[in-house]
PDB file of N, CA and C in Angstrom:
ATOM      1  N   MET A   1      -4.186 -95.805 143.740  1.00  0.00           N
ATOM      2  CA  MET A   1      -3.005 -96.043 142.943  1.00  0.00           C
ATOM      3  C   MET A   1      -1.882 -96.479 143.881  1.00  0.00           C
ATOM      4  N   PRO A   2      -1.101 -97.463 143.469  1.00  0.00           N
ATOM      5  CA  PRO A   2       0.012 -97.914 144.317  1.00  0.00           C
ATOM      6  C   PRO A   2       1.030 -96.804 144.538  1.00  0.00           C
ATOM      7  N   GLN A   3       1.699 -96.858 145.682  1.00  0.00           N
ATOM      8  CA  GLN A   3       2.680 -95.836 146.005  1.00  0.00           C
ATOM      9  C   GLN A   3       3.986 -96.014 145.240  1.00  0.00           C
ATOM     10  N   ASN A   4       4.265 -97.247 144.799  1.00  0.00           N
ATOM     11  CA  ASN A   4       5.509 -97.436 144.052  1.00  0.00           C
ATOM     12  C   ASN A   4       5.347 -96.907 142.638  1.00  0.00           C
ATOM     13  N   ARG A   5       6.424 -96.690 141.994  1.00  0.00           N
ATOM     14  CA  ARG A   5       6.393 -96.083 140.668  1.00  0.00           C
ATOM     15  C   ARG A   5       6.494 -97.115 139.558  1.00  0.00           C
ATOM     16  N   GLU A   6       6.497 -98.367 139.904  1.00  0.00           N
ATOM     17  CA  GLU A   6       6.577 -99.429 138.908  1.00  0.00           C
ATOM     18  C   GLU A   6       5.417-100.390 139.107  1.00  0.00           C
ATOM     19  N   LEU A   7       4.934-100.907 137.984  1.00  0.00           N
ATOM     20  CA  LEU A   7       3.849-101.872 138.008  1.00  0.00           C
ATOM     21  C   LEU A   7       4.186-102.951 136.994  1.00  0.00           C
ATOM     22  N   LEU A   8       4.104-104.188 137.417  1.00  0.00           N
ATOM     23  CA  LEU A   8       4.430-105.306 136.544  1.00  0.00           C
ATOM     24  C   LEU A   8       3.137-105.962 136.074  1.00  0.00           C
ATOM     25  N   VAL A   9       2.940-106.014 134.754  1.00  0.00           N
ATOM     26  CA  VAL A   9       1.810-106.725 134.171  1.00  0.00           C
ATOM     27  C   VAL A   9       2.360-107.776 133.218  1.00  0.00           C
ATOM     28  N   THR A  10       1.704-108.935 133.173  1.00  0.00           N
ATOM     29  CA  THR A  10       2.153-110.021 132.315  1.00  0.00           C
ATOM     30  C   THR A  10       1.183-110.165 131.150  1.00  0.00           C
ATOM     31  N   LEU A  11       1.692-109.968 129.945  1.00  0.00           N
ATOM     32  CA  LEU A  11       0.894-110.057 128.735  1.00  0.00           C
ATOM     33  C   LEU A  11       1.673-110.820 127.672  1.00  0.00           C
ATOM     34  N   LYS A  12       0.987-111.153 126.589  1.00  0.00           N
ATOM     35  CA  LYS A  12       1.633-111.792 125.441  1.00  0.00           C
ATOM     36  C   LYS A  12       1.839-110.754 124.349  1.00  0.00           C
ATOM     37  N   TYR A  13       2.721-111.053 123.410  1.00  0.00           N
ATOM     38  CA  TYR A  13       2.975-110.120 122.316  1.00  0.00           C
ATOM     39  C   TYR A  13       1.767-109.931 121.426  1.00  0.00           C
ATOM     40  N   THR A  14       0.825-110.886 121.459  1.00  0.00           N
ATOM     41  CA  THR A  14      -0.377-110.778 120.639  1.00  0.00           C
ATOM     42  C   THR A  14      -1.456-109.926 121.291  1.00  0.00           C
ATOM     43  N   ASN A  15      -1.267-109.570 122.562  1.00  0.00           N
ATOM     44  CA  ASN A  15      -2.211-108.679 123.234  1.00  0.00           C
ATOM     45  C   ASN A  15      -2.094-107.279 122.651  1.00  0.00           C
ATOM     46  N   THR A  16      -3.152-106.505 122.798  1.00  0.00           N
ATOM     47  CA  THR A  16      -3.147-105.137 122.300  1.00  0.00           C
ATOM     48  C   THR A  16      -2.779-104.164 123.423  1.00  0.00           C
ATOM     49  N   VAL A  17      -2.531-102.947 123.025  1.00  0.00           N
ATOM     50  CA  VAL A  17      -2.256-101.891 123.995  1.00  0.00           C
ATOM     51  C   VAL A  17      -3.488-101.682 124.883  1.00  0.00           C
ATOM     52  N   ALA A  18      -4.679-101.840 124.307  1.00  0.00           N
ATOM     53  CA  ALA A  18      -5.906-101.719 125.096  1.00  0.00           C
ATOM     54  C   ALA A  18      -5.951-102.786 126.189  1.00  0.00           C
ATOM     55  N   ASP A  19      -5.466-103.995 125.889  1.00  0.00           N
ATOM     56  CA  ASP A  19      -5.394-105.048 126.907  1.00  0.00           C
ATOM     57  C   ASP A  19      -4.461-104.636 128.040  1.00  0.00           C
ATOM     58  N   MET A  20      -3.360-103.992 127.690  1.00  0.00           N
ATOM     59  CA  MET A  20      -2.416-103.519 128.704  1.00  0.00           C
ATOM     60  C   MET A  20      -3.073-102.434 129.561  1.00  0.00           C
ATOM     61  N   LYS A  21      -3.824-101.554 128.930  1.00  0.00           N
ATOM     62  CA  LYS A  21      -4.502-100.505 129.667  1.00  0.00           C
ATOM     63  C   LYS A  21      -5.539-101.085 130.627  1.00  0.00           C
ATOM     64  N   HIS A  22      -6.247-102.139 130.199  1.00  0.00           N
ATOM     65  CA  HIS A  22      -7.211-102.804 131.077  1.00  0.00           C
ATOM     66  C   HIS A  22      -6.501-103.422 132.278  1.00  0.00           C
ATOM     67  N   ALA A  23      -5.337-104.035 132.056  1.00  0.00           N
ATOM     68  CA  ALA A  23      -4.575-104.636 133.159  1.00  0.00           C
ATOM     69  C   ALA A  23      -4.115-103.564 134.143  1.00  0.00           C
ATOM     70  N   ILE A  24      -3.694-102.430 133.637  1.00  0.00           N
ATOM     71  CA  ILE A  24      -3.268-101.328 134.503  1.00  0.00           C
ATOM     72  C   ILE A  24      -4.464-100.776 135.274  1.00  0.00           C
ATOM     73  N   CYS A  25      -5.602-100.652 134.597  1.00  0.00           N
ATOM     74  CA  CYS A  25      -6.823-100.175 135.242  1.00  0.00           C
ATOM     75  C   CYS A  25      -7.231-101.104 136.379  1.00  0.00           C
ATOM     76  N   ASN A  26      -7.172-102.409 136.152  1.00  0.00           N
ATOM     77  CA  ASN A  26      -7.541-103.371 137.186  1.00  0.00           C
ATOM     78  C   ASN A  26      -6.580-103.325 138.373  1.00  0.00           C
ATOM     79  N   ALA A  27      -5.303-103.078 138.117  1.00  0.00           N
ATOM     80  CA  ALA A  27      -4.303-103.059 139.184  1.00  0.00           C
ATOM     81  C   ALA A  27      -4.316-101.756 139.981  1.00  0.00           C
ATOM     82  N   THR A  28      -4.662-100.652 139.337  1.00  0.00           N
ATOM     83  CA  THR A  28      -4.552 -99.355 139.992  1.00  0.00           C
ATOM     84  C   THR A  28      -5.882 -98.704 140.333  1.00  0.00           C
ATOM     85  N   GLY A  29      -6.924 -99.045 139.579  1.00  0.00           N
ATOM     86  CA  GLY A  29      -8.213 -98.398 139.781  1.00  0.00           C
ATOM     87  C   GLY A  29      -8.373 -97.099 139.015  1.00  0.00           C
ATOM     88  N   VAL A  30      -7.380 -96.717 138.225  1.00  0.00           N
ATOM     89  CA  VAL A  30      -7.458 -95.502 137.422  1.00  0.00           C
ATOM     90  C   VAL A  30      -8.249 -95.823 136.157  1.00  0.00           C
ATOM     91  N   PRO A  31      -9.317 -95.076 135.850  1.00  0.00           N
ATOM     92  CA  PRO A  31     -10.105 -95.351 134.650  1.00  0.00           C
ATOM     93  C   PRO A  31      -9.273 -95.236 133.372  1.00  0.00           C
ATOM     94  N   ILE A  32      -9.580 -96.083 132.412  1.00  0.00           N
ATOM     95  CA  ILE A  32      -8.828 -96.115 131.155  1.00  0.00           C
ATOM     96  C   ILE A  32      -8.906 -94.785 130.413  1.00  0.00           C
ATOM     97  N   THR A  33     -10.005 -94.087 130.546  1.00  0.00           N
ATOM     98  CA  THR A  33     -10.166 -92.813 129.840  1.00  0.00           C
ATOM     99  C   THR A  33      -9.313 -91.706 130.428  1.00  0.00           C
ATOM    100  N   ASP A  34      -8.712 -91.943 131.598  1.00  0.00           N
ATOM    101  CA  ASP A  34      -7.940 -90.898 132.268  1.00  0.00           C
ATOM    102  C   ASP A  34      -6.441 -90.972 132.023  1.00  0.00           C
ATOM    103  N   PHE A  35      -5.965 -91.932 131.224  1.00  0.00           N
ATOM    104  CA  PHE A  35      -4.535 -92.015 130.965  1.00  0.00           C
ATOM    105  C   PHE A  35      -4.255 -92.569 129.572  1.00  0.00           C
ATOM    106  N   TYR A  36      -3.024 -92.361 129.116  1.00  0.00           N
ATOM    107  CA  TYR A  36      -2.539 -92.964 127.881  1.00  0.00           C
ATOM    108  C   TYR A  36      -1.125 -93.442 128.128  1.00  0.00           C
ATOM    109  N   LEU A  37      -0.624 -94.290 127.248  1.00  0.00           N
ATOM    110  CA  LEU A  37       0.693 -94.901 127.427  1.00  0.00           C
ATOM    111  C   LEU A  37       1.645 -94.408 126.349  1.00  0.00           C
ATOM    112  N   MET A  38       2.915 -94.248 126.731  1.00  0.00           N
ATOM    113  CA  MET A  38       3.947 -93.807 125.799  1.00  0.00           C
ATOM    114  C   MET A  38       5.173 -94.698 125.933  1.00  0.00           C
ATOM    115  N   ASN A  39       5.836 -94.909 124.814  1.00  0.00           N
ATOM    116  CA  ASN A  39       7.121 -95.591 124.769  1.00  0.00           C
ATOM    117  C   ASN A  39       8.107 -94.579 124.203  1.00  0.00           C
ATOM    118  N   GLY A  40       8.852 -93.951 125.063  1.00  0.00           N
ATOM    119  CA  GLY A  40       9.732 -92.867 124.611  1.00  0.00           C
ATOM    120  C   GLY A  40       8.880 -91.653 124.268  1.00  0.00           C
ATOM    121  N   VAL A  41       8.926 -91.251 122.999  1.00  0.00           N
ATOM    122  CA  VAL A  41       8.135 -90.105 122.553  1.00  0.00           C
ATOM    123  C   VAL A  41       6.921 -90.531 121.740  1.00  0.00           C
ATOM    124  N   HIS A  42       6.702 -91.835 121.581  1.00  0.00           N
ATOM    125  CA  HIS A  42       5.605 -92.344 120.768  1.00  0.00           C
ATOM    126  C   HIS A  42       4.416 -92.736 121.640  1.00  0.00           C
ATOM    127  N   VAL A  43       3.243 -92.229 121.284  1.00  0.00           N
ATOM    128  CA  VAL A  43       2.010 -92.611 121.966  1.00  0.00           C
ATOM    129  C   VAL A  43       1.598 -93.976 121.439  1.00  0.00           C
ATOM    130  N   LEU A  44       1.266 -94.895 122.338  1.00  0.00           N
ATOM    131  CA  LEU A  44       0.850 -96.237 121.947  1.00  0.00           C
ATOM    132  C   LEU A  44      -0.633 -96.229 121.609  1.00  0.00           C
ATOM    133  N   LEU A  45      -0.975 -96.762 120.442  1.00  0.00           N
ATOM    134  CA  LEU A  45      -2.356 -96.798 119.972  1.00  0.00           C
ATOM    135  C   LEU A  45      -3.062 -98.042 120.495  1.00  0.00           C
ATOM    136  N   ASP A  46      -4.302 -97.888 120.915  1.00  0.00           N
ATOM    137  CA  ASP A  46      -5.048 -98.976 121.539  1.00  0.00           C
ATOM    138  C   ASP A  46      -5.184-100.217 120.661  1.00  0.00           C
ATOM    139  N   ASP A  47      -5.338-100.054 119.357  1.00  0.00           N
ATOM    140  CA  ASP A  47      -5.577-101.189 118.466  1.00  0.00           C
ATOM    141  C   ASP A  47      -4.308-101.943 118.086  1.00  0.00           C
ATOM    142  N   ASP A  48      -3.147-101.377 118.335  1.00  0.00           N
ATOM    143  CA  ASP A  48      -1.887-102.033 117.965  1.00  0.00           C
ATOM    144  C   ASP A  48      -1.552-103.145 118.955  1.00  0.00           C
ATOM    145  N   THR A  49      -0.946-104.205 118.430  1.00  0.00           N
ATOM    146  CA  THR A  49      -0.466-105.268 119.315  1.00  0.00           C
ATOM    147  C   THR A  49       0.834-104.807 119.965  1.00  0.00           C
ATOM    148  N   LEU A  50       1.231-105.507 121.007  1.00  0.00           N
ATOM    149  CA  LEU A  50       2.484-105.154 121.674  1.00  0.00           C
ATOM    150  C   LEU A  50       3.668-105.386 120.752  1.00  0.00           C
ATOM    151  N   LEU A  51       3.573-106.411 119.896  1.00  0.00           N
ATOM    152  CA  LEU A  51       4.641-106.683 118.936  1.00  0.00           C
ATOM    153  C   LEU A  51       4.751-105.555 117.918  1.00  0.00           C
ATOM    154  N   LYS A  52       3.610-105.111 117.392  1.00  0.00           N
ATOM    155  CA  LYS A  52       3.615-104.014 116.409  1.00  0.00           C
ATOM    156  C   LYS A  52       4.130-102.718 117.033  1.00  0.00           C
ATOM    157  N   SER A  53       3.860-102.540 118.327  1.00  0.00           N
ATOM    158  CA  SER A  53       4.323-101.338 119.023  1.00  0.00           C
ATOM    159  C   SER A  53       5.792-101.423 119.420  1.00  0.00           C
ATOM    160  N   ARG A  54       6.434-102.552 119.084  1.00  0.00           N
ATOM    161  CA  ARG A  54       7.853-102.797 119.378  1.00  0.00           C
ATOM    162  C   ARG A  54       8.151-102.791 120.872  1.00  0.00           C
ATOM    163  N   LEU A  55       7.245-103.428 121.626  1.00  0.00           N
ATOM    164  CA  LEU A  55       7.448-103.552 123.061  1.00  0.00           C
ATOM    165  C   LEU A  55       8.006-104.926 123.363  1.00  0.00           C
ATOM    166  N   SER A  56       8.958-104.991 124.248  1.00  0.00           N
ATOM    167  CA  SER A  56       9.547-106.257 124.648  1.00  0.00           C
ATOM    168  C   SER A  56       9.509-106.360 126.174  1.00  0.00           C
ATOM    169  N   ALA A  57       9.907-107.505 126.666  1.00  0.00           N
ATOM    170  CA  ALA A  57       9.896-107.718 128.111  1.00  0.00           C
ATOM    171  C   ALA A  57      10.781-106.687 128.806  1.00  0.00           C
ATOM    172  N   ARG A  58      10.310-106.206 129.917  1.00  0.00           N
ATOM    173  CA  ARG A  58      11.025-105.252 130.770  1.00  0.00           C
ATOM    174  C   ARG A  58      11.270-103.888 130.134  1.00  0.00           C
ATOM    175  N   VAL A  59      10.490-103.569 129.120  1.00  0.00           N
ATOM    176  CA  VAL A  59      10.626-102.251 128.515  1.00  0.00           C
ATOM    177  C   VAL A  59       9.874-101.243 129.376  1.00  0.00           C
ATOM    178  N   GLY A  60      10.377-100.043 129.419  1.00  0.00           N
ATOM    179  CA  GLY A  60       9.738 -98.997 130.212  1.00  0.00           C
ATOM    180  C   GLY A  60       8.629 -98.310 129.441  1.00  0.00           C
ATOM    181  N   ILE A  61       7.447 -98.340 129.987  1.00  0.00           N
ATOM    182  CA  ILE A  61       6.296 -97.654 129.414  1.00  0.00           C
ATOM    183  C   ILE A  61       5.916 -96.539 130.373  1.00  0.00           C
ATOM    184  N   HIS A  62       5.623 -95.391 129.831  1.00  0.00           N
ATOM    185  CA  HIS A  62       5.254 -94.250 130.659  1.00  0.00           C
ATOM    186  C   HIS A  62       3.745 -94.069 130.622  1.00  0.00           C
ATOM    187  N   LEU A  63       3.156 -93.947 131.788  1.00  0.00           N
ATOM    188  CA  LEU A  63       1.733 -93.680 131.913  1.00  0.00           C
ATOM    189  C   LEU A  63       1.577 -92.179 132.093  1.00  0.00           C
ATOM    190  N   ARG A  64       0.794 -91.582 131.234  1.00  0.00           N
ATOM    191  CA  ARG A  64       0.548 -90.134 131.303  1.00  0.00           C
ATOM    192  C   ARG A  64      -0.930 -89.904 131.573  1.00  0.00           C
ATOM    193  N   PHE A  65      -1.223 -89.025 132.513  1.00  0.00           N
ATOM    194  CA  PHE A  65      -2.609 -88.719 132.834  1.00  0.00           C
ATOM    195  C   PHE A  65      -3.146 -87.671 131.875  1.00  0.00           C
ATOM    196  N   ARG A  66      -4.415 -87.844 131.507  1.00  0.00           N
ATOM    197  CA  ARG A  66      -5.106 -86.831 130.714  1.00  0.00           C
ATOM    198  C   ARG A  66      -5.677 -85.808 131.698  1.00  0.00           C
ATOM    199  N   LEU A  67      -5.181 -84.618 131.623  1.00  0.00           N
ATOM    200  CA  LEU A  67      -5.654 -83.570 132.522  1.00  0.00           C
ATOM    201  C   LEU A  67      -6.825 -82.859 131.870  1.00  0.00           C
ATOM    202  N   ARG A  68      -7.902 -82.825 132.584  1.00  0.00           N
ATOM    203  CA  ARG A  68      -9.106 -82.174 132.065  1.00  0.00           C
ATOM    204  C   ARG A  68      -9.494 -81.071 133.021  1.00  0.00           C
ATOM    205  N   GLY A  69     -10.141 -80.110 132.463  1.00  0.00           N
ATOM    206  CA  GLY A  69     -10.605 -79.023 133.310  1.00  0.00           C
ATOM    207  C   GLY A  69     -10.542 -77.723 132.547  1.00  0.00           C
ATOM    208  N   GLY A  70     -10.777 -76.698 133.220  1.00  0.00           N
ATOM    209  CA  GLY A  70     -10.765 -75.393 132.607  1.00  0.00           C
ATOM    210  C   GLY A  70     -11.146 -74.369 133.642  1.00  0.00           C
ATOM    211  N   LEU A  71     -11.335 -73.206 133.176  1.00  0.00           N
ATOM    212  CA  LEU A  71     -11.714 -72.125 134.070  1.00  0.00           C
ATOM    213  C   LEU A  71     -13.200 -72.239 134.405  1.00  0.00           C
ATOM    214  N   SER A  72     -13.508 -72.086 135.630  1.00  0.00           N
ATOM    215  CA  SER A  72     -14.914 -72.022 136.018  1.00  0.00           C
ATOM    216  C   SER A  72     -15.105 -70.711 136.779  1.00  0.00           C
ATOM    217  N   TYR A  73     -16.095 -70.013 136.379  1.00  0.00           N
ATOM    218  CA  TYR A  73     -16.365 -68.724 137.000  1.00  0.00           C
ATOM    219  C   TYR A  73     -17.493 -68.884 137.987  1.00  0.00           C
ATOM    220  N   ILE A  74     -17.263 -68.455 139.206  1.00  0.00           N
ATOM    221  CA  ILE A  74     -18.268 -68.534 140.253  1.00  0.00           C
ATOM    222  C   ILE A  74     -18.883 -67.154 140.402  1.00  0.00           C
ATOM    223  N   LYS A  75     -20.209 -67.132 140.335  1.00  0.00           N
ATOM    224  CA  LYS A  75     -20.917 -65.851 140.490  1.00  0.00           C
ATOM    225  C   LYS A  75     -21.572 -65.766 141.832  1.00  0.00           C
TER     226      LYS A  75
END
């Protein structure tokens, strides 16, 4: 993952959120299943277009990691 906290991807308004996730995956190497995207407090759905999600140029999108795990007992 890049050390900077910003990543610039170029997409069209007709692209989907899943397309954006693929672009982020290609740029960072983080698997798509390990993160989701948010715009403010709204989770972006993979099937929605960027236009439907009300995303515009230079808008801030937050990448959130899906934390998995649990207690493991060692005997």
